């Protein structure tokens, strides 16, 4: 049975707090385990969440500010220590190659050769193995080179049981119809795949961290089933957000609305806010976005919404 869910390992911004660790987000997507922006303390948070180094198949780093990347050395060394055998691809901004190399080899340890770097430097997609799932990286508007990511499953087809039954297609013939595009029906005539199916949109997830408002944030989130996006500040700090190239909760809500996303996950919360302030993040985003909104908390497990019919 496939599982598609986001595990929040950390949800603070530049400074961790007693309740919020530095950033860290693990997306379990069927057989893939994608770790986004491992900040300081990620390895320990993974233990709390019941995640192992062997669960990781890819690292995706948006940029090289510390709250998004200081956990890289611990994660890399844990992959080596646990003798993970499969390839772990690591996407990160090519302009930060020097930072990647420093973090990748930060201390002395028994190294591993399973980590494959994939620097990104413009519009592009990094294919994952096996099932055609793709990761697209687009540049964002931050104070240093930063990229957002989109996970996209290919579009497919949904079989129509009532049509299959009416045409006498059952058992192994259903699989053969899907593979070959046509089979002989009960009356001997040719039955095509198009007669027994309808298009099924692939699911998607967008990950948008440190950025000001920009077109690529919307492009990444277009029709996404889940949008995980920074909302560092409340709208009262819009000037501060602009100065530091971050988003307010209201701006995150507007991006989700413009993109027609389904589920909005707000995160990367400034340490200036207390528990009593947190409902305002959802309220300010909801002023613009009428879909489901979740304010991320550490160790939350957030399901990707069921696919559209």
C-alpha atoms as a PDB file:
ATOM      1  CA  UNK A   1       0.000   0.000   0.000  1.00  0.00           C
ATOM      2  CA  UNK A   2       1.437   3.342  -1.057  1.00  0.00           C
ATOM      3  CA  UNK A   3       1.949   6.119   1.502  1.00  0.00           C
ATOM      4  CA  UNK A   4       2.204   9.772   0.609  1.00  0.00           C
ATOM      5  CA  UNK A   5       2.736  12.071   3.567  1.00  0.00           C
ATOM      6  CA  UNK A   6       4.866  14.924   4.844  1.00  0.00           C
ATOM      7  CA  UNK A   7       6.695  14.472   8.144  1.00  0.00           C
ATOM      8  CA  UNK A   8       7.623  17.843   9.667  1.00  0.00           C
ATOM      9  CA  UNK A   9      11.010  17.535  11.374  1.00  0.00           C
ATOM     10  CA  UNK A  10      11.390  21.246  12.072  1.00  0.00           C
ATOM     11  CA  UNK A  11       9.313  24.348  11.404  1.00  0.00           C
ATOM     12  CA  UNK A  12      11.213  27.355  12.770  1.00  0.00           C
ATOM     13  CA  UNK A  13      13.098  29.935  10.743  1.00  0.00           C
ATOM     14  CA  UNK A  14      16.603  31.246  11.462  1.00  0.00           C
ATOM     15  CA  UNK A  15      16.547  30.518  15.214  1.00  0.00           C
ATOM     16  CA  UNK A  16      15.154  27.278  16.670  1.00  0.00           C
ATOM     17  CA  UNK A  17      12.879  27.598  19.671  1.00  0.00           C
ATOM     18  CA  UNK A  18      11.775  25.309  22.490  1.00  0.00           C
ATOM     19  CA  UNK A  19       8.818  24.189  20.357  1.00  0.00           C
ATOM     20  CA  UNK A  20      10.215  24.458  16.843  1.00  0.00           C
ATOM     21  CA  UNK A  21      13.416  22.909  15.541  1.00  0.00           C
ATOM     22  CA  UNK A  22      15.354  24.248  12.565  1.00  0.00           C
ATOM     23  CA  UNK A  23      13.792  23.314   9.225  1.00  0.00           C
ATOM     24  CA  UNK A  24      13.509  19.716   8.046  1.00  0.00           C
ATOM     25  CA  UNK A  25      10.778  18.069   5.975  1.00  0.00           C
ATOM     26  CA  UNK A  26      10.583  14.418   4.962  1.00  0.00           C
ATOM     27  CA  UNK A  27       8.227  13.529   2.134  1.00  0.00           C
ATOM     28  CA  UNK A  28       7.350   9.861   1.899  1.00  0.00           C
ATOM     29  CA  UNK A  29       6.035   9.255  -1.598  1.00  0.00           C
ATOM     30  CA  UNK A  30       5.506   5.543  -2.198  1.00  0.00           C
ATOM     31  CA  UNK A  31       9.024   4.076  -2.406  1.00  0.00           C
ATOM     32  CA  UNK A  32      10.743   7.473  -2.360  1.00  0.00           C
ATOM     33  CA  UNK A  33      11.930   9.322   0.744  1.00  0.00           C
ATOM     34  CA  UNK A  34      12.774  12.951  -0.017  1.00  0.00           C
ATOM     35  CA  UNK A  35      14.388  15.085   2.687  1.00  0.00           C
ATOM     36  CA  UNK A  36      14.026  18.828   2.157  1.00  0.00           C
ATOM     37  CA  UNK A  37      16.233  21.442   3.836  1.00  0.00           C
ATOM     38  CA  UNK A  38      17.814  19.540   6.735  1.00  0.00           C
ATOM     39  CA  UNK A  39      18.649  22.179   9.326  1.00  0.00           C
ATOM     40  CA  UNK A  40      20.514  21.708  12.582  1.00  0.00           C
ATOM     41  CA  UNK A  41      19.110  18.846  14.649  1.00  0.00           C
ATOM     42  CA  UNK A  42      17.509  16.993  11.731  1.00  0.00           C
ATOM     43  CA  UNK A  43      19.183  13.688  12.536  1.00  0.00           C
ATOM     44  CA  UNK A  44      17.729  13.704  16.066  1.00  0.00           C
ATOM     45  CA  UNK A  45      14.292  14.730  14.832  1.00  0.00           C
ATOM     46  CA  UNK A  46      14.353  11.806  12.442  1.00  0.00           C
ATOM     47  CA  UNK A  47      14.801   9.486  15.430  1.00  0.00           C
ATOM     48  CA  UNK A  48      11.796  11.047  17.152  1.00  0.00           C
ATOM     49  CA  UNK A  49       9.769  10.598  13.962  1.00  0.00           C
ATOM     50  CA  UNK A  50      10.799   6.967  13.543  1.00  0.00           C
ATOM     51  CA  UNK A  51      12.750   7.626  10.328  1.00  0.00           C
ATOM     52  CA  UNK A  52      16.002   5.912   9.398  1.00  0.00           C
ATOM     53  CA  UNK A  53      18.808   6.933   7.073  1.00  0.00           C
ATOM     54  CA  UNK A  54      17.803   4.040   4.838  1.00  0.00           C
ATOM     55  CA  UNK A  55      14.447   5.778   4.258  1.00  0.00           C
ATOM     56  CA  UNK A  56      16.184   8.558   2.327  1.00  0.00           C
ATOM     57  CA  UNK A  57      16.433   8.410  -1.456  1.00  0.00           C
ATOM     58  CA  UNK A  58      16.998  12.098  -2.118  1.00  0.00           C
ATOM     59  CA  UNK A  59      18.050  15.378  -0.489  1.00  0.00           C
ATOM     60  CA  UNK A  60      16.642  18.652  -1.828  1.00  0.00           C
ATOM     61  CA  UNK A  61      18.246  21.828  -0.507  1.00  0.00           C
ATOM     62  CA  UNK A  62      16.641  25.141  -1.414  1.00  0.00           C
ATOM     63  CA  UNK A  63      19.601  27.322  -0.413  1.00  0.00           C
ATOM     64  CA  UNK A  64      22.581  27.437   1.908  1.00  0.00           C
ATOM     65  CA  UNK A  65      21.433  29.546   4.821  1.00  0.00           C
ATOM     66  CA  UNK A  66      22.164  27.600   7.988  1.00  0.00           C
ATOM     67  CA  UNK A  67      18.603  26.880   9.061  1.00  0.00           C
ATOM     68  CA  UNK A  68      18.137  24.991   5.779  1.00  0.00           C
ATOM     69  CA  UNK A  69      21.433  23.140   5.533  1.00  0.00           C
ATOM     70  CA  UNK A  70      23.376  22.819   8.822  1.00  0.00           C
ATOM     71  CA  UNK A  71      21.942  19.322   9.253  1.00  0.00           C
ATOM     72  CA  UNK A  72      23.567  18.064   6.042  1.00  0.00           C
ATOM     73  CA  UNK A  73      26.788  16.804   7.728  1.00  0.00           C
ATOM     74  CA  UNK A  74      24.892  14.718  10.278  1.00  0.00           C
ATOM     75  CA  UNK A  75      22.543  13.259   7.681  1.00  0.00           C
ATOM     76  CA  UNK A  76      25.395  12.418   5.306  1.00  0.00           C
ATOM     77  CA  UNK A  77      27.427  10.807   8.058  1.00  0.00           C
ATOM     78  CA  UNK A  78      24.415   8.812   9.229  1.00  0.00           C
ATOM     79  CA  UNK A  79      23.903   7.508   5.681  1.00  0.00           C
ATOM     80  CA  UNK A  80      27.545   6.415   5.721  1.00  0.00           C
ATOM     81  CA  UNK A  81      27.457   4.958   9.237  1.00  0.00           C
ATOM     82  CA  UNK A  82      24.304   2.941   8.541  1.00  0.00           C
ATOM     83  CA  UNK A  83      25.810   1.627   5.305  1.00  0.00           C
ATOM     84  CA  UNK A  84      22.904   2.699   3.124  1.00  0.00           C
ATOM     85  CA  UNK A  85      23.395   0.841  -0.153  1.00  0.00           C
ATOM     86  CA  UNK A  86      21.057   2.624  -2.572  1.00  0.00           C
ATOM     87  CA  UNK A  87      21.850   5.882  -4.367  1.00  0.00           C
ATOM     88  CA  UNK A  88      20.846   9.084  -2.576  1.00  0.00           C
ATOM     89  CA  UNK A  89      20.690  12.000  -4.999  1.00  0.00           C
ATOM     90  CA  UNK A  90      21.298  15.488  -3.624  1.00  0.00           C
ATOM     91  CA  UNK A  91      19.882  18.526  -5.421  1.00  0.00           C
ATOM     92  CA  UNK A  92      21.062  22.004  -4.411  1.00  0.00           C
ATOM     93  CA  UNK A  93      21.788  25.390  -6.048  1.00  0.00           C
ATOM     94  CA  UNK A  94      24.867  25.123  -8.251  1.00  0.00           C
ATOM     95  CA  UNK A  95      25.941  28.593  -7.118  1.00  0.00           C
ATOM     96  CA  UNK A  96      26.385  27.120  -3.627  1.00  0.00           C
ATOM     97  CA  UNK A  97      28.812  24.379  -4.691  1.00  0.00           C
ATOM     98  CA  UNK A  98      31.441  25.575  -2.228  1.00  0.00           C
ATOM     99  CA  UNK A  99      28.949  25.358   0.646  1.00  0.00           C
ATOM    100  CA  UNK A 100      27.837  21.899  -0.455  1.00  0.00           C
ATOM    101  CA  UNK A 101      31.409  20.623  -0.446  1.00  0.00           C
ATOM    102  CA  UNK A 102      32.075  22.112   2.988  1.00  0.00           C
ATOM    103  CA  UNK A 103      28.953  20.525   4.450  1.00  0.00           C
ATOM    104  CA  UNK A 104      29.400  17.233   2.613  1.00  0.00           C
ATOM    105  CA  UNK A 105      32.895  16.824   4.092  1.00  0.00           C
ATOM    106  CA  UNK A 106      32.494  18.875   7.282  1.00  0.00           C
ATOM    107  CA  UNK A 107      34.307  16.454   9.613  1.00  0.00           C
ATOM    108  CA  UNK A 108      36.352  13.266   9.572  1.00  0.00           C
ATOM    109  CA  UNK A 109      34.243  10.124   9.094  1.00  0.00           C
ATOM    110  CA  UNK A 110      34.137   6.890   7.131  1.00  0.00           C
ATOM    111  CA  UNK A 111      32.727   8.189   3.853  1.00  0.00           C
ATOM    112  CA  UNK A 112      30.186   6.727   1.443  1.00  0.00           C
ATOM    113  CA  UNK A 113      29.919   6.820  -2.327  1.00  0.00           C
ATOM    114  CA  UNK A 114      26.117   6.488  -2.557  1.00  0.00           C
ATOM    115  CA  UNK A 115      25.461  10.236  -2.428  1.00  0.00           C
ATOM    116  CA  UNK A 116      25.237  11.653  -5.947  1.00  0.00           C
ATOM    117  CA  UNK A 117      25.254  15.454  -6.272  1.00  0.00           C
ATOM    118  CA  UNK A 118      22.841  17.075  -8.736  1.00  0.00           C
ATOM    119  CA  UNK A 119      23.411  20.857  -8.674  1.00  0.00           C
ATOM    120  CA  UNK A 120      20.620  22.901 -10.256  1.00  0.00           C
ATOM    121  CA  UNK A 121      21.233  26.201 -12.003  1.00  0.00           C
ATOM    122  CA  UNK A 122      18.094  27.136 -13.910  1.00  0.00           C
ATOM    123  CA  UNK A 123      14.878  25.689 -15.239  1.00  0.00           C
ATOM    124  CA  UNK A 124      15.005  21.925 -15.151  1.00  0.00           C
ATOM    125  CA  UNK A 125      13.849  18.593 -13.819  1.00  0.00           C
ATOM    126  CA  UNK A 126      15.780  15.882 -11.984  1.00  0.00           C
ATOM    127  CA  UNK A 127      14.276  12.468 -12.783  1.00  0.00           C
ATOM    128  CA  UNK A 128      13.850   9.969 -10.004  1.00  0.00           C
ATOM    129  CA  UNK A 129      14.376   6.304 -10.710  1.00  0.00           C
ATOM    130  CA  UNK A 130      11.761   3.831 -11.744  1.00  0.00           C
ATOM    131  CA  UNK A 131       8.309   5.278 -12.054  1.00  0.00           C
ATOM    132  CA  UNK A 132       8.746   8.537 -13.923  1.00  0.00           C
ATOM    133  CA  UNK A 133       8.242  10.755 -10.878  1.00  0.00           C
ATOM    134  CA  UNK A 134       9.981  14.069 -11.506  1.00  0.00           C
ATOM    135  CA  UNK A 135      11.423  16.881  -9.411  1.00  0.00           C
ATOM    136  CA  UNK A 136      11.402  20.326 -11.011  1.00  0.00           C
ATOM    137  CA  UNK A 137      13.565  23.113  -9.571  1.00  0.00           C
ATOM    138  CA  UNK A 138      12.841  26.804 -10.202  1.00  0.00           C
ATOM    139  CA  UNK A 139      14.713  29.845  -8.867  1.00  0.00           C
ATOM    140  CA  UNK A 140      13.062  31.963  -6.183  1.00  0.00           C
ATOM    141  CA  UNK A 141      13.617  35.540  -4.984  1.00  0.00           C
ATOM    142  CA  UNK A 142      15.850  35.437  -1.913  1.00  0.00           C
ATOM    143  CA  UNK A 143      18.994  37.188  -0.718  1.00  0.00           C
ATOM    144  CA  UNK A 144      21.136  34.374  -2.092  1.00  0.00           C
ATOM    145  CA  UNK A 145      20.539  31.798  -4.849  1.00  0.00           C
ATOM    146  CA  UNK A 146      17.523  29.736  -3.813  1.00  0.00           C
ATOM    147  CA  UNK A 147      15.299  27.218  -5.565  1.00  0.00           C
ATOM    148  CA  UNK A 148      11.879  25.792  -4.919  1.00  0.00           C
ATOM    149  CA  UNK A 149      10.969  22.222  -5.853  1.00  0.00           C
ATOM    150  CA  UNK A 150       7.933  20.464  -7.300  1.00  0.00           C
ATOM    151  CA  UNK A 151       7.283  16.730  -7.074  1.00  0.00           C
ATOM    152  CA  UNK A 152       5.122  15.576  -9.974  1.00  0.00           C
ATOM    153  CA  UNK A 153       3.631  12.186 -10.732  1.00  0.00           C
ATOM    154  CA  UNK A 154       2.867  11.632 -14.446  1.00  0.00           C
ATOM    155  CA  UNK A 155      -0.740  11.763 -15.542  1.00  0.00           C
ATOM    156  CA  UNK A 156      -2.316   8.353 -15.965  1.00  0.00           C
ATOM    157  CA  UNK A 157      -5.621   6.638 -16.612  1.00  0.00           C
ATOM    158  CA  UNK A 158      -8.392   5.433 -14.304  1.00  0.00           C
ATOM    159  CA  UNK A 159     -10.051   2.221 -15.377  1.00  0.00           C
ATOM    160  CA  UNK A 160     -13.873   2.117 -15.417  1.00  0.00           C
ATOM    161  CA  UNK A 161     -15.077  -1.186 -13.879  1.00  0.00           C
ATOM    162  CA  UNK A 162     -18.587  -0.855 -15.262  1.00  0.00           C
ATOM    163  CA  UNK A 163     -17.295  -0.423 -18.815  1.00  0.00           C
ATOM    164  CA  UNK A 164     -14.898  -3.345 -18.423  1.00  0.00           C
ATOM    165  CA  UNK A 165     -17.740  -5.554 -17.210  1.00  0.00           C
ATOM    166  CA  UNK A 166     -20.083  -4.459 -20.006  1.00  0.00           C
ATOM    167  CA  UNK A 167     -17.473  -5.314 -22.608  1.00  0.00           C
ATOM    168  CA  UNK A 168     -16.541  -8.633 -21.007  1.00  0.00           C
ATOM    169  CA  UNK A 169     -13.015  -7.668 -19.973  1.00  0.00           C
ATOM    170  CA  UNK A 170     -11.830  -9.204 -16.677  1.00  0.00           C
ATOM    171  CA  UNK A 171      -8.916 -10.908 -14.946  1.00  0.00           C
ATOM    172  CA  UNK A 172      -5.548 -10.869 -16.744  1.00  0.00           C
ATOM    173  CA  UNK A 173      -7.124  -9.168 -19.782  1.00  0.00           C
ATOM    174  CA  UNK A 174      -7.444  -5.940 -17.766  1.00  0.00           C
ATOM    175  CA  UNK A 175      -3.675  -5.795 -17.256  1.00  0.00           C
ATOM    176  CA  UNK A 176      -3.066  -6.683 -20.903  1.00  0.00           C
ATOM    177  CA  UNK A 177      -5.429  -3.911 -21.979  1.00  0.00           C
ATOM    178  CA  UNK A 178      -3.450  -1.427 -19.878  1.00  0.00           C
ATOM    179  CA  UNK A 179      -0.126  -2.635 -21.278  1.00  0.00           C
ATOM    180  CA  UNK A 180      -1.039  -3.159 -24.927  1.00  0.00           C
ATOM    181  CA  UNK A 181      -3.877  -0.688 -25.419  1.00  0.00           C
ATOM    182  CA  UNK A 182      -6.368  -3.194 -26.810  1.00  0.00           C
ATOM    183  CA  UNK A 183      -7.750  -6.707 -26.294  1.00  0.00           C
ATOM    184  CA  UNK A 184     -10.533  -8.870 -27.713  1.00  0.00           C
ATOM    185  CA  UNK A 185     -13.854  -8.476 -25.910  1.00  0.00           C
ATOM    186  CA  UNK A 186     -16.391 -11.163 -25.023  1.00  0.00           C
ATOM    187  CA  UNK A 187     -17.985 -10.884 -28.473  1.00  0.00           C
ATOM    188  CA  UNK A 188     -14.634 -11.060 -30.214  1.00  0.00           C
ATOM    189  CA  UNK A 189     -14.464  -7.414 -31.234  1.00  0.00           C
ATOM    190  CA  UNK A 190     -11.495  -5.208 -30.456  1.00  0.00           C
ATOM    191  CA  UNK A 191     -11.805  -3.204 -27.220  1.00  0.00           C
ATOM    192  CA  UNK A 192      -9.478  -0.199 -26.781  1.00  0.00           C
ATOM    193  CA  UNK A 193      -8.085   1.300 -23.594  1.00  0.00           C
ATOM    194  CA  UNK A 194      -9.810   4.604 -24.370  1.00  0.00           C
ATOM    195  CA  UNK A 195     -13.209   2.892 -24.184  1.00  0.00           C
ATOM    196  CA  UNK A 196     -12.609   1.671 -20.632  1.00  0.00           C
ATOM    197  CA  UNK A 197     -10.744   4.531 -18.949  1.00  0.00           C
ATOM    198  CA  UNK A 198     -10.676   8.247 -18.253  1.00  0.00           C
ATOM    199  CA  UNK A 199      -7.665  10.533 -17.683  1.00  0.00           C
ATOM    200  CA  UNK A 200      -6.294  10.564 -14.133  1.00  0.00           C
ATOM    201  CA  UNK A 201      -4.207  13.631 -13.213  1.00  0.00           C
ATOM    202  CA  UNK A 202      -0.926  12.817 -11.470  1.00  0.00           C
ATOM    203  CA  UNK A 203      -0.502  14.060  -7.912  1.00  0.00           C
ATOM    204  CA  UNK A 204       1.928  16.831  -7.050  1.00  0.00           C
ATOM    205  CA  UNK A 205       3.594  18.558  -4.119  1.00  0.00           C
ATOM    206  CA  UNK A 206       5.357  21.944  -4.130  1.00  0.00           C
ATOM    207  CA  UNK A 207       8.023  23.073  -1.677  1.00  0.00           C
ATOM    208  CA  UNK A 208       8.617  26.840  -1.554  1.00  0.00           C
ATOM    209  CA  UNK A 209      10.954  28.179   1.104  1.00  0.00           C
ATOM    210  CA  UNK A 210      12.780  31.476   1.586  1.00  0.00           C
ATOM    211  CA  UNK A 211      11.528  33.897  -1.057  1.00  0.00           C
ATOM    212  CA  UNK A 212       9.712  37.102  -1.705  1.00  0.00           C
ATOM    213  CA  UNK A 213       6.560  37.075  -3.789  1.00  0.00           C
ATOM    214  CA  UNK A 214       7.520  35.902  -7.290  1.00  0.00           C
ATOM    215  CA  UNK A 215       6.029  34.215 -10.354  1.00  0.00           C
ATOM    216  CA  UNK A 216       8.013  31.008  -9.887  1.00  0.00           C
ATOM    217  CA  UNK A 217       6.438  30.409  -6.477  1.00  0.00           C
ATOM    218  CA  UNK A 218       3.069  30.307  -8.225  1.00  0.00           C
ATOM    219  CA  UNK A 219       4.407  28.188 -11.093  1.00  0.00           C
ATOM    220  CA  UNK A 220       5.748  25.581  -8.693  1.00  0.00           C
ATOM    221  CA  UNK A 221       2.458  25.448  -6.806  1.00  0.00           C
ATOM    222  CA  UNK A 222       0.119  25.370  -9.817  1.00  0.00           C
ATOM    223  CA  UNK A 223      -2.711  22.882  -9.097  1.00  0.00           C
ATOM    224  CA  UNK A 224      -0.524  21.224  -6.447  1.00  0.00           C
ATOM    225  CA  UNK A 225      -2.222  18.754  -4.127  1.00  0.00           C
ATOM    226  CA  UNK A 226       0.031  20.007  -1.309  1.00  0.00           C
ATOM    227  CA  UNK A 227       1.902  23.307  -1.094  1.00  0.00           C
ATOM    228  CA  UNK A 228       4.481  23.573   1.703  1.00  0.00           C
ATOM    229  CA  UNK A 229       5.465  27.215   1.907  1.00  0.00           C
ATOM    230  CA  UNK A 230       7.247  29.574   4.232  1.00  0.00           C
ATOM    231  CA  UNK A 231       5.169  32.130   6.131  1.00  0.00           C
ATOM    232  CA  UNK A 232       7.879  33.630   8.294  1.00  0.00           C
ATOM    233  CA  UNK A 233       5.904  36.690   9.368  1.00  0.00           C
ATOM    234  CA  UNK A 234       2.403  37.894  10.056  1.00  0.00           C
ATOM    235  CA  UNK A 235       1.088  40.603   7.746  1.00  0.00           C
ATOM    236  CA  UNK A 236       1.924  43.325  10.292  1.00  0.00           C
ATOM    237  CA  UNK A 237       5.600  42.659   9.490  1.00  0.00           C
ATOM    238  CA  UNK A 238       5.175  42.953   5.696  1.00  0.00           C
ATOM    239  CA  UNK A 239       7.949  45.562   5.462  1.00  0.00           C
ATOM    240  CA  UNK A 240      10.355  43.282   7.326  1.00  0.00           C
ATOM    241  CA  UNK A 241       9.366  40.380   5.093  1.00  0.00           C
ATOM    242  CA  UNK A 242      10.092  42.463   2.003  1.00  0.00           C
ATOM    243  CA  UNK A 243      13.461  43.632   3.321  1.00  0.00           C
ATOM    244  CA  UNK A 244      14.608  40.068   4.019  1.00  0.00           C
ATOM    245  CA  UNK A 245      12.900  38.457   0.993  1.00  0.00           C
ATOM    246  CA  UNK A 246      10.436  36.389   2.981  1.00  0.00           C
ATOM    247  CA  UNK A 247       6.680  35.860   2.915  1.00  0.00           C
ATOM    248  CA  UNK A 248       3.908  36.787   5.285  1.00  0.00           C
ATOM    249  CA  UNK A 249       1.045  34.398   5.995  1.00  0.00           C
ATOM    250  CA  UNK A 250      -1.269  36.507   3.851  1.00  0.00           C
ATOM    251  CA  UNK A 251       1.162  36.433   0.923  1.00  0.00           C
ATOM    252  CA  UNK A 252       1.477  32.662   1.243  1.00  0.00           C
ATOM    253  CA  UNK A 253      -2.319  32.439   1.107  1.00  0.00           C
ATOM    254  CA  UNK A 254      -2.445  34.586  -2.033  1.00  0.00           C
ATOM    255  CA  UNK A 255       0.157  32.397  -3.752  1.00  0.00           C
ATOM    256  CA  UNK A 256      -1.843  29.275  -2.884  1.00  0.00           C
ATOM    257  CA  UNK A 257      -5.040  30.868  -4.180  1.00  0.00           C
ATOM    258  CA  UNK A 258      -3.482  32.077  -7.438  1.00  0.00           C
ATOM    259  CA  UNK A 259      -1.930  28.645  -8.000  1.00  0.00           C
ATOM    260  CA  UNK A 260      -5.196  26.805  -7.182  1.00  0.00           C
ATOM    261  CA  UNK A 261      -3.393  24.548  -4.701  1.00  0.00           C
ATOM    262  CA  UNK A 262      -5.494  22.154  -2.624  1.00  0.00           C
ATOM    263  CA  UNK A 263      -3.752  21.888   0.772  1.00  0.00           C
ATOM    264  CA  UNK A 264      -1.658  24.752   2.161  1.00  0.00           C
ATOM    265  CA  UNK A 265       0.989  23.967   4.794  1.00  0.00           C
ATOM    266  CA  UNK A 266       2.439  27.074   6.479  1.00  0.00           C
ATOM    267  CA  UNK A 267       5.875  26.780   8.071  1.00  0.00           C
ATOM    268  CA  UNK A 268       9.254  28.515   8.704  1.00  0.00           C
ATOM    269  CA  UNK A 269       7.802  30.557  11.562  1.00  0.00           C
ATOM    270  CA  UNK A 270       9.874  33.375  13.062  1.00  0.00           C
ATOM    271  CA  UNK A 271      11.009  32.910  16.635  1.00  0.00           C
ATOM    272  CA  UNK A 272       9.396  36.257  17.519  1.00  0.00           C
ATOM    273  CA  UNK A 273       5.944  34.644  17.699  1.00  0.00           C
ATOM    274  CA  UNK A 274       4.450  32.906  20.724  1.00  0.00           C
ATOM    275  CA  UNK A 275       1.814  30.169  20.863  1.00  0.00           C
ATOM    276  CA  UNK A 276      -0.970  32.728  21.201  1.00  0.00           C
ATOM    277  CA  UNK A 277       0.059  34.306  17.885  1.00  0.00           C
ATOM    278  CA  UNK A 278      -0.185  31.094  15.878  1.00  0.00           C
ATOM    279  CA  UNK A 279      -3.932  31.126  15.027  1.00  0.00           C
ATOM    280  CA  UNK A 280      -3.358  34.423  13.230  1.00  0.00           C
ATOM    281  CA  UNK A 281      -1.150  32.702  10.617  1.00  0.00           C
ATOM    282  CA  UNK A 282      -4.060  30.528   9.514  1.00  0.00           C
ATOM    283  CA  UNK A 283      -6.513  33.427   9.724  1.00  0.00           C
ATOM    284  CA  UNK A 284      -4.376  35.707   7.557  1.00  0.00           C
ATOM    285  CA  UNK A 285      -3.760  33.006   4.952  1.00  0.00           C
ATOM    286  CA  UNK A 286      -7.472  32.113   4.952  1.00  0.00           C
ATOM    287  CA  UNK A 287      -8.360  35.710   4.042  1.00  0.00           C
ATOM    288  CA  UNK A 288      -7.060  34.864   0.543  1.00  0.00           C
ATOM    289  CA  UNK A 289      -7.181  31.050   0.275  1.00  0.00           C
ATOM    290  CA  UNK A 290     -10.357  29.067   0.859  1.00  0.00           C
ATOM    291  CA  UNK A 291      -8.806  25.585   0.788  1.00  0.00           C
ATOM    292  CA  UNK A 292      -7.506  23.524   3.695  1.00  0.00           C
ATOM    293  CA  UNK A 293      -4.742  25.220   5.720  1.00  0.00           C
ATOM    294  CA  UNK A 294      -2.385  23.564   8.219  1.00  0.00           C
ATOM    295  CA  UNK A 295       0.091  25.444  10.389  1.00  0.00           C
ATOM    296  CA  UNK A 296       2.994  23.007  10.659  1.00  0.00           C
ATOM    297  CA  UNK A 297       4.139  21.793  14.055  1.00  0.00           C
ATOM    298  CA  UNK A 298       7.242  19.696  14.678  1.00  0.00           C
ATOM    299  CA  UNK A 299       6.663  15.954  14.169  1.00  0.00           C
ATOM    300  CA  UNK A 300       3.335  16.498  12.420  1.00  0.00           C
ATOM    301  CA  UNK A 301       2.471  13.875   9.806  1.00  0.00           C
ATOM    302  CA  UNK A 302       0.393  15.502   7.078  1.00  0.00           C
ATOM    303  CA  UNK A 303      -1.208  13.313   4.440  1.00  0.00           C
ATOM    304  CA  UNK A 304      -1.101  14.310   0.802  1.00  0.00           C
ATOM    305  CA  UNK A 305      -4.796  14.731  -0.114  1.00  0.00           C
ATOM    306  CA  UNK A 306      -6.425  11.842  -1.922  1.00  0.00           C
ATOM    307  CA  UNK A 307      -6.110  12.174  -5.649  1.00  0.00           C
ATOM    308  CA  UNK A 308      -8.786  14.018  -7.573  1.00  0.00           C
ATOM    309  CA  UNK A 309     -11.451  11.743  -9.014  1.00  0.00           C
END
